[in-house]
Amino acid sequence: MDHDPHGLNILSVYKFGSVALAHENHRLIVSQLELLGVKNEDLECIQNSEHGILSLTSSDRRKAVQLLGKTYIWSQEEWRSELQIMLFMNVKAEIQAMDLESYLNRKLEDTRSG
């Protein structure tokens, strides 16, 4: 997913369900879903391009604040932290702007050392 509040919102709908589809949530949610995609720690792997690291829009900031008001976000420490850092740094990023070779090499190094 992209590194922005709207991406986290979509993830939360898959994991926790939707108010609009509350009557169907028991069949639709994927409770084991985990956050995959660009995270704050991955921003160094973003290539310099017009679609790289961007400033949050007012819509992004509103969505982030709205999500931080949800109880389920506070139950997901990583998600909450990602949102708070996004707001503090005022940044978002698109996954297609990542330098996947740098990203995968760093992740493999982390796995070997951890």
PDB file of N, CA and C in Angstrom:
ATOM      1  N   MET A   1       0.827  -1.184   0.000  1.00  0.00           N
ATOM      2  CA  MET A   1       0.000   0.000   0.000  1.00  0.00           C
ATOM      3  C   MET A   1       0.868   1.242   0.000  1.00  0.00           C
ATOM      4  N   ASP A   2       0.311   2.324  -0.466  1.00  0.00           N
ATOM      5  CA  ASP A   2       1.009   3.600  -0.421  1.00  0.00           C
ATOM      6  C   ASP A   2       1.175   4.043   1.029  1.00  0.00           C
ATOM      7  N   HIS A   3       2.148   4.881   1.241  1.00  0.00           N
ATOM      8  CA  HIS A   3       2.425   5.416   2.572  1.00  0.00           C
ATOM      9  C   HIS A   3       1.637   6.721   2.734  1.00  0.00           C
ATOM     10  N   ASP A   4       0.352   6.554   3.019  1.00  0.00           N
ATOM     11  CA  ASP A   4      -0.498   7.723   3.264  1.00  0.00           C
ATOM     12  C   ASP A   4      -1.703   7.307   4.108  1.00  0.00           C
ATOM     13  N   PRO A   5      -2.394   8.270   4.702  1.00  0.00           N
ATOM     14  CA  PRO A   5      -3.536   7.945   5.565  1.00  0.00           C
ATOM     15  C   PRO A   5      -4.650   7.207   4.831  1.00  0.00           C
ATOM     16  N   HIS A   6      -4.831   7.494   3.551  1.00  0.00           N
ATOM     17  CA  HIS A   6      -5.895   6.825   2.808  1.00  0.00           C
ATOM     18  C   HIS A   6      -5.576   5.346   2.613  1.00  0.00           C
ATOM     19  N   GLY A   7      -4.306   5.015   2.407  1.00  0.00           N
ATOM     20  CA  GLY A   7      -3.897   3.618   2.313  1.00  0.00           C
ATOM     21  C   GLY A   7      -4.149   2.876   3.619  1.00  0.00           C
ATOM     22  N   LEU A   8      -3.832   3.514   4.739  1.00  0.00           N
ATOM     23  CA  LEU A   8      -4.099   2.895   6.041  1.00  0.00           C
ATOM     24  C   LEU A   8      -5.595   2.750   6.292  1.00  0.00           C
ATOM     25  N   ASN A   9      -6.376   3.682   5.795  1.00  0.00           N
ATOM     26  CA  ASN A   9      -7.827   3.581   5.939  1.00  0.00           C
ATOM     27  C   ASN A   9      -8.355   2.362   5.173  1.00  0.00           C
ATOM     28  N   ILE A  10      -7.875   2.172   3.958  1.00  0.00           N
ATOM     29  CA  ILE A  10      -8.292   1.006   3.170  1.00  0.00           C
ATOM     30  C   ILE A  10      -7.893  -0.276   3.886  1.00  0.00           C
ATOM     31  N   LEU A  11      -6.673  -0.320   4.396  1.00  0.00           N
ATOM     32  CA  LEU A  11      -6.209  -1.483   5.154  1.00  0.00           C
ATOM     33  C   LEU A  11      -7.115  -1.756   6.348  1.00  0.00           C
ATOM     34  N   SER A  12      -7.515  -0.706   7.050  1.00  0.00           N
ATOM     35  CA  SER A  12      -8.366  -0.880   8.231  1.00  0.00           C
ATOM     36  C   SER A  12      -9.743  -1.433   7.870  1.00  0.00           C
ATOM     37  N   VAL A  13     -10.257  -1.071   6.703  1.00  0.00           N
ATOM     38  CA  VAL A  13     -11.556  -1.603   6.263  1.00  0.00           C
ATOM     39  C   VAL A  13     -11.442  -3.106   6.011  1.00  0.00           C
ATOM     40  N   TYR A  14     -10.349  -3.529   5.391  1.00  0.00           N
ATOM     41  CA  TYR A  14     -10.151  -4.966   5.159  1.00  0.00           C
ATOM     42  C   TYR A  14      -9.978  -5.736   6.473  1.00  0.00           C
ATOM     43  N   LYS A  15      -9.276  -5.133   7.426  1.00  0.00           N
ATOM     44  CA  LYS A  15      -8.991  -5.838   8.679  1.00  0.00           C
ATOM     45  C   LYS A  15     -10.143  -5.778   9.673  1.00  0.00           C
ATOM     46  N   PHE A  16     -10.805  -4.620   9.786  1.00  0.00           N
ATOM     47  CA  PHE A  16     -11.811  -4.425  10.830  1.00  0.00           C
ATOM     48  C   PHE A  16     -13.238  -4.297  10.320  1.00  0.00           C
ATOM     49  N   GLY A  17     -13.397  -4.100   9.022  1.00  0.00           N
ATOM     50  CA  GLY A  17     -14.729  -3.977   8.464  1.00  0.00           C
ATOM     51  C   GLY A  17     -15.117  -2.541   8.186  1.00  0.00           C
ATOM     52  N   SER A  18     -16.308  -2.406   7.680  1.00  0.00           N
ATOM     53  CA  SER A  18     -16.829  -1.118   7.235  1.00  0.00           C
ATOM     54  C   SER A  18     -18.140  -0.816   7.939  1.00  0.00           C
ATOM     55  N   VAL A  19     -18.349   0.427   8.294  1.00  0.00           N
ATOM     56  CA  VAL A  19     -19.618   0.833   8.894  1.00  0.00           C
ATOM     57  C   VAL A  19     -20.750   0.612   7.898  1.00  0.00           C
ATOM     58  N   ALA A  20     -20.512   0.955   6.634  1.00  0.00           N
ATOM     59  CA  ALA A  20     -21.546   0.813   5.601  1.00  0.00           C
ATOM     60  C   ALA A  20     -21.939  -0.644   5.369  1.00  0.00           C
ATOM     61  N   LEU A  21     -21.012  -1.564   5.597  1.00  0.00           N
ATOM     62  CA  LEU A  21     -21.295  -2.984   5.394  1.00  0.00           C
ATOM     63  C   LEU A  21     -21.267  -3.760   6.708  1.00  0.00           C
ATOM     64  N   ALA A  22     -21.637  -3.107   7.783  1.00  0.00           N
ATOM     65  CA  ALA A  22     -21.564  -3.737   9.108  1.00  0.00           C
ATOM     66  C   ALA A  22     -22.299  -5.076   9.152  1.00  0.00           C
ATOM     67  N   HIS A  23     -23.394  -5.190   8.435  1.00  0.00           N
ATOM     68  CA  HIS A  23     -24.163  -6.437   8.423  1.00  0.00           C
ATOM     69  C   HIS A  23     -23.427  -7.581   7.720  1.00  0.00           C
ATOM     70  N   GLU A  24     -22.392  -7.269   6.937  1.00  0.00           N
ATOM     71  CA  GLU A  24     -21.615  -8.273   6.211  1.00  0.00           C
ATOM     72  C   GLU A  24     -20.201  -8.456   6.756  1.00  0.00           C
ATOM     73  N   ASN A  25     -19.803  -7.625   7.724  1.00  0.00           N
ATOM     74  CA  ASN A  25     -18.415  -7.633   8.184  1.00  0.00           C
ATOM     75  C   ASN A  25     -17.943  -9.006   8.642  1.00  0.00           C
ATOM     76  N   HIS A  26     -18.793  -9.778   9.273  1.00  0.00           N
ATOM     77  CA  HIS A  26     -18.377 -11.089   9.775  1.00  0.00           C
ATOM     78  C   HIS A  26     -17.877 -11.996   8.642  1.00  0.00           C
ATOM     79  N   ARG A  27     -18.334 -11.747   7.419  1.00  0.00           N
ATOM     80  CA  ARG A  27     -17.911 -12.557   6.269  1.00  0.00           C
ATOM     81  C   ARG A  27     -16.787 -11.905   5.470  1.00  0.00           C
ATOM     82  N   LEU A  28     -16.575 -10.621   5.662  1.00  0.00           N
ATOM     83  CA  LEU A  28     -15.652  -9.890   4.802  1.00  0.00           C
ATOM     84  C   LEU A  28     -14.301  -9.567   5.431  1.00  0.00           C
ATOM     85  N   ILE A  29     -14.214  -9.454   6.739  1.00  0.00           N
ATOM     86  CA  ILE A  29     -12.968  -9.003   7.351  1.00  0.00           C
ATOM     87  C   ILE A  29     -11.885 -10.075   7.301  1.00  0.00           C
ATOM     88  N   VAL A  30     -10.656  -9.612   7.264  1.00  0.00           N
ATOM     89  CA  VAL A  30      -9.477 -10.485   7.274  1.00  0.00           C
ATOM     90  C   VAL A  30      -8.677 -10.094   8.512  1.00  0.00           C
ATOM     91  N   SER A  31      -9.019 -10.694   9.633  1.00  0.00           N
ATOM     92  CA  SER A  31      -8.457 -10.267  10.917  1.00  0.00           C
ATOM     93  C   SER A  31      -6.953 -10.491  11.043  1.00  0.00           C
ATOM     94  N   GLN A  32      -6.379 -11.389  10.247  1.00  0.00           N
ATOM     95  CA  GLN A  32      -4.945 -11.653  10.320  1.00  0.00           C
ATOM     96  C   GLN A  32      -4.122 -10.718   9.422  1.00  0.00           C
ATOM     97  N   LEU A  33      -4.785  -9.806   8.744  1.00  0.00           N
ATOM     98  CA  LEU A  33      -4.121  -8.893   7.821  1.00  0.00           C
ATOM     99  C   LEU A  33      -3.070  -8.056   8.546  1.00  0.00           C
ATOM    100  N   GLU A  34      -1.924  -7.866   7.894  1.00  0.00           N
ATOM    101  CA  GLU A  34      -0.854  -7.062   8.466  1.00  0.00           C
ATOM    102  C   GLU A  34      -0.451  -5.962   7.502  1.00  0.00           C
ATOM    103  N   LEU A  35       0.176  -4.938   8.048  1.00  0.00           N
ATOM    104  CA  LEU A  35       0.626  -3.792   7.275  1.00  0.00           C
ATOM    105  C   LEU A  35       1.829  -4.170   6.407  1.00  0.00           C
ATOM    106  N   LEU A  36       1.649  -4.106   5.102  1.00  0.00           N
ATOM    107  CA  LEU A  36       2.729  -4.304   4.140  1.00  0.00           C
ATOM    108  C   LEU A  36       2.735  -3.089   3.227  1.00  0.00           C
ATOM    109  N   GLY A  37       3.890  -2.726   2.800  1.00  0.00           N
ATOM    110  CA  GLY A  37       3.994  -1.563   1.929  1.00  0.00           C
ATOM    111  C   GLY A  37       5.012  -0.594   2.488  1.00  0.00           C
ATOM    112  N   VAL A  38       5.001   0.611   1.975  1.00  0.00           N
ATOM    113  CA  VAL A  38       5.961   1.625   2.388  1.00  0.00           C
ATOM    114  C   VAL A  38       5.658   2.066   3.821  1.00  0.00           C
ATOM    115  N   LYS A  39       6.698   2.093   4.648  1.00  0.00           N
ATOM    116  CA  LYS A  39       6.592   2.573   6.020  1.00  0.00           C
ATOM    117  C   LYS A  39       7.558   3.737   6.189  1.00  0.00           C
ATOM    118  N   ASN A  40       7.442   4.427   7.297  1.00  0.00           N
ATOM    119  CA  ASN A  40       8.328   5.561   7.554  1.00  0.00           C
ATOM    120  C   ASN A  40       9.799   5.168   7.438  1.00  0.00           C
ATOM    121  N   GLU A  41      10.144   3.990   7.938  1.00  0.00           N
ATOM    122  CA  GLU A  41      11.537   3.531   7.891  1.00  0.00           C
ATOM    123  C   GLU A  41      12.014   3.260   6.468  1.00  0.00           C
ATOM    124  N   ASP A  42      11.105   3.169   5.514  1.00  0.00           N
ATOM    125  CA  ASP A  42      11.450   2.856   4.127  1.00  0.00           C
ATOM    126  C   ASP A  42      11.599   4.088   3.247  1.00  0.00           C
ATOM    127  N   LEU A  43      11.368   5.260   3.771  1.00  0.00           N
ATOM    128  CA  LEU A  43      11.379   6.457   2.937  1.00  0.00           C
ATOM    129  C   LEU A  43      12.728   6.692   2.272  1.00  0.00           C
ATOM    130  N   GLU A  44      13.803   6.191   2.864  1.00  0.00           N
ATOM    131  CA  GLU A  44      15.124   6.365   2.252  1.00  0.00           C
ATOM    132  C   GLU A  44      15.259   5.580   0.947  1.00  0.00           C
ATOM    133  N   CYS A  45      14.349   4.634   0.712  1.00  0.00           N
ATOM    134  CA  CYS A  45      14.394   3.825  -0.518  1.00  0.00           C
ATOM    135  C   CYS A  45      13.530   4.419  -1.624  1.00  0.00           C
ATOM    136  N   ILE A  46      13.001   5.592  -1.393  1.00  0.00           N
ATOM    137  CA  ILE A  46      12.169   6.250  -2.403  1.00  0.00           C
ATOM    138  C   ILE A  46      13.091   6.958  -3.396  1.00  0.00           C
ATOM    139  N   GLN A  47      12.875   6.686  -4.652  1.00  0.00           N
ATOM    140  CA  GLN A  47      13.655   7.338  -5.697  1.00  0.00           C
ATOM    141  C   GLN A  47      13.199   8.787  -5.816  1.00  0.00           C
ATOM    142  N   ASN A  48      14.104   9.636  -6.198  1.00  0.00           N
ATOM    143  CA  ASN A  48      13.744  11.023  -6.461  1.00  0.00           C
ATOM    144  C   ASN A  48      12.941  11.084  -7.747  1.00  0.00           C
ATOM    145  N   SER A  49      11.690  11.436  -7.629  1.00  0.00           N
ATOM    146  CA  SER A  49      10.830  11.576  -8.799  1.00  0.00           C
ATOM    147  C   SER A  49       9.647  12.438  -8.392  1.00  0.00           C
ATOM    148  N   GLU A  50       8.851  12.802  -9.365  1.00  0.00           N
ATOM    149  CA  GLU A  50       7.686  13.625  -9.049  1.00  0.00           C
ATOM    150  C   GLU A  50       6.655  12.858  -8.232  1.00  0.00           C
ATOM    151  N   HIS A  51       6.753  11.525  -8.218  1.00  0.00           N
ATOM    152  CA  HIS A  51       5.823  10.707  -7.447  1.00  0.00           C
ATOM    153  C   HIS A  51       6.504  10.081  -6.233  1.00  0.00           C
ATOM    154  N   GLY A  52       7.598  10.657  -5.779  1.00  0.00           N
ATOM    155  CA  GLY A  52       8.337  10.121  -4.647  1.00  0.00           C
ATOM    156  C   GLY A  52       7.723  10.558  -3.333  1.00  0.00           C
ATOM    157  N   ILE A  53       8.528  11.185  -2.510  1.00  0.00           N
ATOM    158  CA  ILE A  53       8.049  11.676  -1.224  1.00  0.00           C
ATOM    159  C   ILE A  53       7.320  12.995  -1.457  1.00  0.00           C
ATOM    160  N   LEU A  54       6.089  13.043  -0.993  1.00  0.00           N
ATOM    161  CA  LEU A  54       5.226  14.201  -1.202  1.00  0.00           C
ATOM    162  C   LEU A  54       4.756  14.753   0.130  1.00  0.00           C
ATOM    163  N   SER A  55       4.305  15.982   0.137  1.00  0.00           N
ATOM    164  CA  SER A  55       3.696  16.569   1.338  1.00  0.00           C
ATOM    165  C   SER A  55       2.260  16.083   1.467  1.00  0.00           C
ATOM    166  N   LEU A  56       1.815  15.917   2.690  1.00  0.00           N
ATOM    167  CA  LEU A  56       0.417  15.565   2.925  1.00  0.00           C
ATOM    168  C   LEU A  56      -0.486  16.700   2.462  1.00  0.00           C
ATOM    169  N   THR A  57      -1.614  16.361   1.899  1.00  0.00           N
ATOM    170  CA  THR A  57      -2.618  17.371   1.553  1.00  0.00           C
ATOM    171  C   THR A  57      -3.500  17.605   2.779  1.00  0.00           C
ATOM    172  N   SER A  58      -4.348  18.592   2.714  1.00  0.00           N
ATOM    173  CA  SER A  58      -5.278  18.831   3.826  1.00  0.00           C
ATOM    174  C   SER A  58      -6.225  17.640   3.988  1.00  0.00           C
ATOM    175  N   SER A  59      -6.588  17.011   2.885  1.00  0.00           N
ATOM    176  CA  SER A  59      -7.423  15.807   2.945  1.00  0.00           C
ATOM    177  C   SER A  59      -6.689  14.660   3.647  1.00  0.00           C
ATOM    178  N   ASP A  60      -5.405  14.501   3.334  1.00  0.00           N
ATOM    179  CA  ASP A  60      -4.594  13.473   3.994  1.00  0.00           C
ATOM    180  C   ASP A  60      -4.525  13.717   5.500  1.00  0.00           C
ATOM    181  N   ARG A  61      -4.304  14.966   5.868  1.00  0.00           N
ATOM    182  CA  ARG A  61      -4.183  15.301   7.296  1.00  0.00           C
ATOM    183  C   ARG A  61      -5.512  15.051   8.019  1.00  0.00           C
ATOM    184  N   ARG A  62      -6.626  15.427   7.386  1.00  0.00           N
ATOM    185  CA  ARG A  62      -7.948  15.172   7.994  1.00  0.00           C
ATOM    186  C   ARG A  62      -8.184  13.677   8.190  1.00  0.00           C
ATOM    187  N   LYS A  63      -7.836  12.881   7.177  1.00  0.00           N
ATOM    188  CA  LYS A  63      -8.007  11.431   7.255  1.00  0.00           C
ATOM    189  C   LYS A  63      -7.139  10.853   8.374  1.00  0.00           C
ATOM    190  N   ALA A  64      -5.908  11.317   8.499  1.00  0.00           N
ATOM    191  CA  ALA A  64      -5.009  10.827   9.551  1.00  0.00           C
ATOM    192  C   ALA A  64      -5.578  11.135  10.933  1.00  0.00           C
ATOM    193  N   VAL A  65      -6.041  12.350  11.117  1.00  0.00           N
ATOM    194  CA  VAL A  65      -6.619  12.739  12.412  1.00  0.00           C
ATOM    195  C   VAL A  65      -7.882  11.929  12.687  1.00  0.00           C
ATOM    196  N   GLN A  66      -8.698  11.729  11.659  1.00  0.00           N
ATOM    197  CA  GLN A  66      -9.914  10.914  11.800  1.00  0.00           C
ATOM    198  C   GLN A  66      -9.555   9.487  12.231  1.00  0.00           C
ATOM    199  N   LEU A  67      -8.556   8.895  11.592  1.00  0.00           N
ATOM    200  CA  LEU A  67      -8.138   7.535  11.933  1.00  0.00           C
ATOM    201  C   LEU A  67      -7.588   7.457  13.353  1.00  0.00           C
ATOM    202  N   LEU A  68      -6.841   8.472  13.758  1.00  0.00           N
ATOM    203  CA  LEU A  68      -6.284   8.471  15.111  1.00  0.00           C
ATOM    204  C   LEU A  68      -7.373   8.579  16.177  1.00  0.00           C
ATOM    205  N   GLY A  69      -8.561   8.969  15.772  1.00  0.00           N
ATOM    206  CA  GLY A  69      -9.699   9.010  16.691  1.00  0.00           C
ATOM    207  C   GLY A  69     -10.412   7.667  16.826  1.00  0.00           C
ATOM    208  N   LYS A  70      -9.993   6.674  16.060  1.00  0.00           N
ATOM    209  CA  LYS A  70     -10.636   5.353  16.078  1.00  0.00           C
ATOM    210  C   LYS A  70      -9.948   4.433  17.092  1.00  0.00           C
ATOM    211  N   THR A  71     -10.721   3.755  17.882  1.00  0.00           N
ATOM    212  CA  THR A  71     -10.188   2.844  18.896  1.00  0.00           C
ATOM    213  C   THR A  71      -9.329   1.751  18.277  1.00  0.00           C
ATOM    214  N   TYR A  72      -9.763   1.206  17.145  1.00  0.00           N
ATOM    215  CA  TYR A  72      -9.016   0.098  16.549  1.00  0.00           C
ATOM    216  C   TYR A  72      -7.626   0.514  16.091  1.00  0.00           C
ATOM    217  N   ILE A  73      -7.432   1.776  15.745  1.00  0.00           N
ATOM    218  CA  ILE A  73      -6.092   2.238  15.358  1.00  0.00           C
ATOM    219  C   ILE A  73      -5.169   2.210  16.570  1.00  0.00           C
ATOM    220  N   TRP A  74      -5.701   2.532  17.735  1.00  0.00           N
ATOM    221  CA  TRP A  74      -4.879   2.523  18.947  1.00  0.00           C
ATOM    222  C   TRP A  74      -4.534   1.100  19.372  1.00  0.00           C
ATOM    223  N   SER A  75      -5.304   0.125  18.886  1.00  0.00           N
ATOM    224  CA  SER A  75      -4.969  -1.269  19.188  1.00  0.00           C
ATOM    225  C   SER A  75      -3.869  -1.790  18.264  1.00  0.00           C
ATOM    226  N   GLN A  76      -3.547  -1.039  17.228  1.00  0.00           N
ATOM    227  CA  GLN A  76      -2.504  -1.398  16.262  1.00  0.00           C
ATOM    228  C   GLN A  76      -1.343  -0.410  16.415  1.00  0.00           C
ATOM    229  N   GLU A  77      -0.425  -0.714  17.304  1.00  0.00           N
ATOM    230  CA  GLU A  77       0.649   0.226  17.642  1.00  0.00           C
ATOM    231  C   GLU A  77       1.443   0.685  16.411  1.00  0.00           C
ATOM    232  N   GLU A  78       1.751  -0.243  15.503  1.00  0.00           N
ATOM    233  CA  GLU A  78       2.518   0.113  14.318  1.00  0.00           C
ATOM    234  C   GLU A  78       1.745   1.094  13.435  1.00  0.00           C
ATOM    235  N   TRP A  79       0.460   0.863  13.246  1.00  0.00           N
ATOM    236  CA  TRP A  79      -0.361   1.743  12.410  1.00  0.00           C
ATOM    237  C   TRP A  79      -0.427   3.140  13.020  1.00  0.00           C
ATOM    238  N   ARG A  80      -0.670   3.178  14.331  1.00  0.00           N
ATOM    239  CA  ARG A  80      -0.767   4.467  15.036  1.00  0.00           C
ATOM    240  C   ARG A  80       0.538   5.239  14.894  1.00  0.00           C
ATOM    241  N   SER A  81       1.637   4.549  15.097  1.00  0.00           N
ATOM    242  CA  SER A  81       2.946   5.187  15.004  1.00  0.00           C
ATOM    243  C   SER A  81       3.197   5.707  13.589  1.00  0.00           C
ATOM    244  N   GLU A  82       2.859   4.915  12.589  1.00  0.00           N
ATOM    245  CA  GLU A  82       3.036   5.349  11.197  1.00  0.00           C
ATOM    246  C   GLU A  82       2.252   6.636  10.928  1.00  0.00           C
ATOM    247  N   LEU A  83       1.012   6.676  11.385  1.00  0.00           N
ATOM    248  CA  LEU A  83       0.174   7.871  11.186  1.00  0.00           C
ATOM    249  C   LEU A  83       0.744   9.081  11.909  1.00  0.00           C
ATOM    250  N   GLN A  84       1.160   8.890  13.140  1.00  0.00           N
ATOM    251  CA  GLN A  84       1.683  10.014  13.914  1.00  0.00           C
ATOM    252  C   GLN A  84       2.956  10.579  13.289  1.00  0.00           C
ATOM    253  N   ILE A  85       3.844   9.699  12.836  1.00  0.00           N
ATOM    254  CA  ILE A  85       5.081  10.161  12.204  1.00  0.00           C
ATOM    255  C   ILE A  85       4.776  10.837  10.867  1.00  0.00           C
ATOM    256  N   MET A  86       3.837  10.266  10.109  1.00  0.00           N
ATOM    257  CA  MET A  86       3.417  10.892   8.846  1.00  0.00           C
ATOM    258  C   MET A  86       2.971  12.334   9.090  1.00  0.00           C
ATOM    259  N   LEU A  87       2.122  12.509  10.108  1.00  0.00           N
ATOM    260  CA  LEU A  87       1.626  13.848  10.431  1.00  0.00           C
ATOM    261  C   LEU A  87       2.757  14.770  10.874  1.00  0.00           C
ATOM    262  N   PHE A  88       3.619  14.269  11.735  1.00  0.00           N
ATOM    263  CA  PHE A  88       4.716  15.085  12.257  1.00  0.00           C
ATOM    264  C   PHE A  88       5.671  15.511  11.137  1.00  0.00           C
ATOM    265  N   MET A  89       6.012  14.560  10.258  1.00  0.00           N
ATOM    266  CA  MET A  89       6.948  14.856   9.173  1.00  0.00           C
ATOM    267  C   MET A  89       6.267  15.486   7.962  1.00  0.00           C
ATOM    268  N   ASN A  90       4.921  15.408   7.923  1.00  0.00           N
ATOM    269  CA  ASN A  90       4.124  15.952   6.815  1.00  0.00           C
ATOM    270  C   ASN A  90       4.516  15.331   5.470  1.00  0.00           C
ATOM    271  N   VAL A  91       4.676  13.983   5.464  1.00  0.00           N
ATOM    272  CA  VAL A  91       5.074  13.302   4.237  1.00  0.00           C
ATOM    273  C   VAL A  91       4.186  12.101   3.945  1.00  0.00           C
ATOM    274  N   LYS A  92       4.126  11.791   2.661  1.00  0.00           N
ATOM    275  CA  LYS A  92       3.496  10.572   2.173  1.00  0.00           C
ATOM    276  C   LYS A  92       4.335  10.098   0.991  1.00  0.00           C
ATOM    277  N   ALA A  93       4.135   8.844   0.582  1.00  0.00           N
ATOM    278  CA  ALA A  93       4.917   8.311  -0.538  1.00  0.00           C
ATOM    279  C   ALA A  93       4.117   7.245  -1.253  1.00  0.00           C
ATOM    280  N   GLU A  94       4.374   7.123  -2.527  1.00  0.00           N
ATOM    281  CA  GLU A  94       3.720   6.109  -3.346  1.00  0.00           C
ATOM    282  C   GLU A  94       4.648   4.912  -3.502  1.00  0.00           C
ATOM    283  N   ILE A  95       4.092   3.723  -3.407  1.00  0.00           N
ATOM    284  CA  ILE A  95       4.892   2.500  -3.448  1.00  0.00           C
ATOM    285  C   ILE A  95       5.633   2.352  -4.774  1.00  0.00           C
ATOM    286  N   GLN A  96       5.066   2.832  -5.868  1.00  0.00           N
ATOM    287  CA  GLN A  96       5.729   2.673  -7.165  1.00  0.00           C
ATOM    288  C   GLN A  96       6.980   3.542  -7.289  1.00  0.00           C
ATOM    289  N   ALA A  97       7.197   4.467  -6.365  1.00  0.00           N
ATOM    290  CA  ALA A  97       8.385   5.313  -6.403  1.00  0.00           C
ATOM    291  C   ALA A  97       9.564   4.680  -5.659  1.00  0.00           C
ATOM    292  N   MET A  98       9.351   3.510  -5.069  1.00  0.00           N
ATOM    293  CA  MET A  98      10.410   2.874  -4.302  1.00  0.00           C
ATOM    294  C   MET A  98      11.489   2.279  -5.192  1.00  0.00           C
ATOM    295  N   ASP A  99      12.710   2.354  -4.720  1.00  0.00           N
ATOM    296  CA  ASP A  99      13.817   1.636  -5.325  1.00  0.00           C
ATOM    297  C   ASP A  99      13.787   0.246  -4.684  1.00  0.00           C
ATOM    298  N   LEU A 100      13.136  -0.686  -5.361  1.00  0.00           N
ATOM    299  CA  LEU A 100      12.893  -2.006  -4.772  1.00  0.00           C
ATOM    300  C   LEU A 100      14.177  -2.768  -4.481  1.00  0.00           C
ATOM    301  N   GLU A 101      15.198  -2.569  -5.268  1.00  0.00           N
ATOM    302  CA  GLU A 101      16.469  -3.260  -4.996  1.00  0.00           C
ATOM    303  C   GLU A 101      17.049  -2.805  -3.654  1.00  0.00           C
ATOM    304  N   SER A 102      17.098  -1.492  -3.402  1.00  0.00           N
ATOM    305  CA  SER A 102      17.594  -0.974  -2.124  1.00  0.00           C
ATOM    306  C   SER A 102      16.721  -1.452  -0.968  1.00  0.00           C
ATOM    307  N   TYR A 103      15.415  -1.411  -1.186  1.00  0.00           N
ATOM    308  CA  TYR A 103      14.465  -1.825  -0.152  1.00  0.00           C
ATOM    309  C   TYR A 103      14.677  -3.295   0.216  1.00  0.00           C
ATOM    310  N   LEU A 104      14.721  -4.166  -0.788  1.00  0.00           N
ATOM    311  CA  LEU A 104      14.869  -5.598  -0.521  1.00  0.00           C
ATOM    312  C   LEU A 104      16.231  -5.920   0.090  1.00  0.00           C
ATOM    313  N   ASN A 105      17.283  -5.256  -0.365  1.00  0.00           N
ATOM    314  CA  ASN A 105      18.601  -5.479   0.232  1.00  0.00           C
ATOM    315  C   ASN A 105      18.608  -5.091   1.705  1.00  0.00           C
ATOM    316  N   ARG A 106      17.977  -3.967   2.036  1.00  0.00           N
ATOM    317  CA  ARG A 106      17.927  -3.524   3.433  1.00  0.00           C
ATOM    318  C   ARG A 106      17.113  -4.487   4.278  1.00  0.00           C
ATOM    319  N   LYS A 107      15.983  -4.949   3.745  1.00  0.00           N
ATOM    320  CA  LYS A 107      15.140  -5.890   4.481  1.00  0.00           C
ATOM    321  C   LYS A 107      15.874  -7.214   4.708  1.00  0.00           C
ATOM    322  N   LEU A 108      16.626  -7.675   3.712  1.00  0.00           N
ATOM    323  CA  LEU A 108      17.394  -8.916   3.874  1.00  0.00           C
ATOM    324  C   LEU A 108      18.492  -8.749   4.919  1.00  0.00           C
ATOM    325  N   GLU A 109      19.157  -7.586   4.925  1.00  0.00           N
ATOM    326  CA  GLU A 109      20.171  -7.319   5.942  1.00  0.00           C
ATOM    327  C   GLU A 109      19.555  -7.312   7.331  1.00  0.00           C
ATOM    328  N   ASP A 110      18.381  -6.685   7.461  1.00  0.00           N
ATOM    329  CA  ASP A 110      17.685  -6.643   8.758  1.00  0.00           C
ATOM    330  C   ASP A 110      17.338  -8.067   9.222  1.00  0.00           C
ATOM    331  N   THR A 111      16.934  -8.911   8.299  1.00  0.00           N
ATOM    332  CA  THR A 111      16.562 -10.287   8.626  1.00  0.00           C
ATOM    333  C   THR A 111      17.794 -11.077   9.084  1.00  0.00           C
ATOM    334  N   ARG A 112      18.887 -10.884   8.406  1.00  0.00           N
ATOM    335  CA  ARG A 112      20.118 -11.602   8.762  1.00  0.00           C
ATOM    336  C   ARG A 112      20.668 -11.167  10.106  1.00  0.00           C
ATOM    337  N   SER A 113      20.584  -9.870  10.383  1.00  0.00           N
ATOM    338  CA  SER A 113      21.142  -9.361  11.641  1.00  0.00           C
ATOM    339  C   SER A 113      20.175  -9.495  12.814  1.00  0.00           C
ATOM    340  N   GLY A 114      18.913  -9.712  12.523  1.00  0.00           N
ATOM    341  CA  GLY A 114      17.899  -9.782  13.589  1.00  0.00           C
ATOM    342  C   GLY A 114      17.603 -11.139  13.957  1.00  0.00           C
TER     343      GLY A 114
END
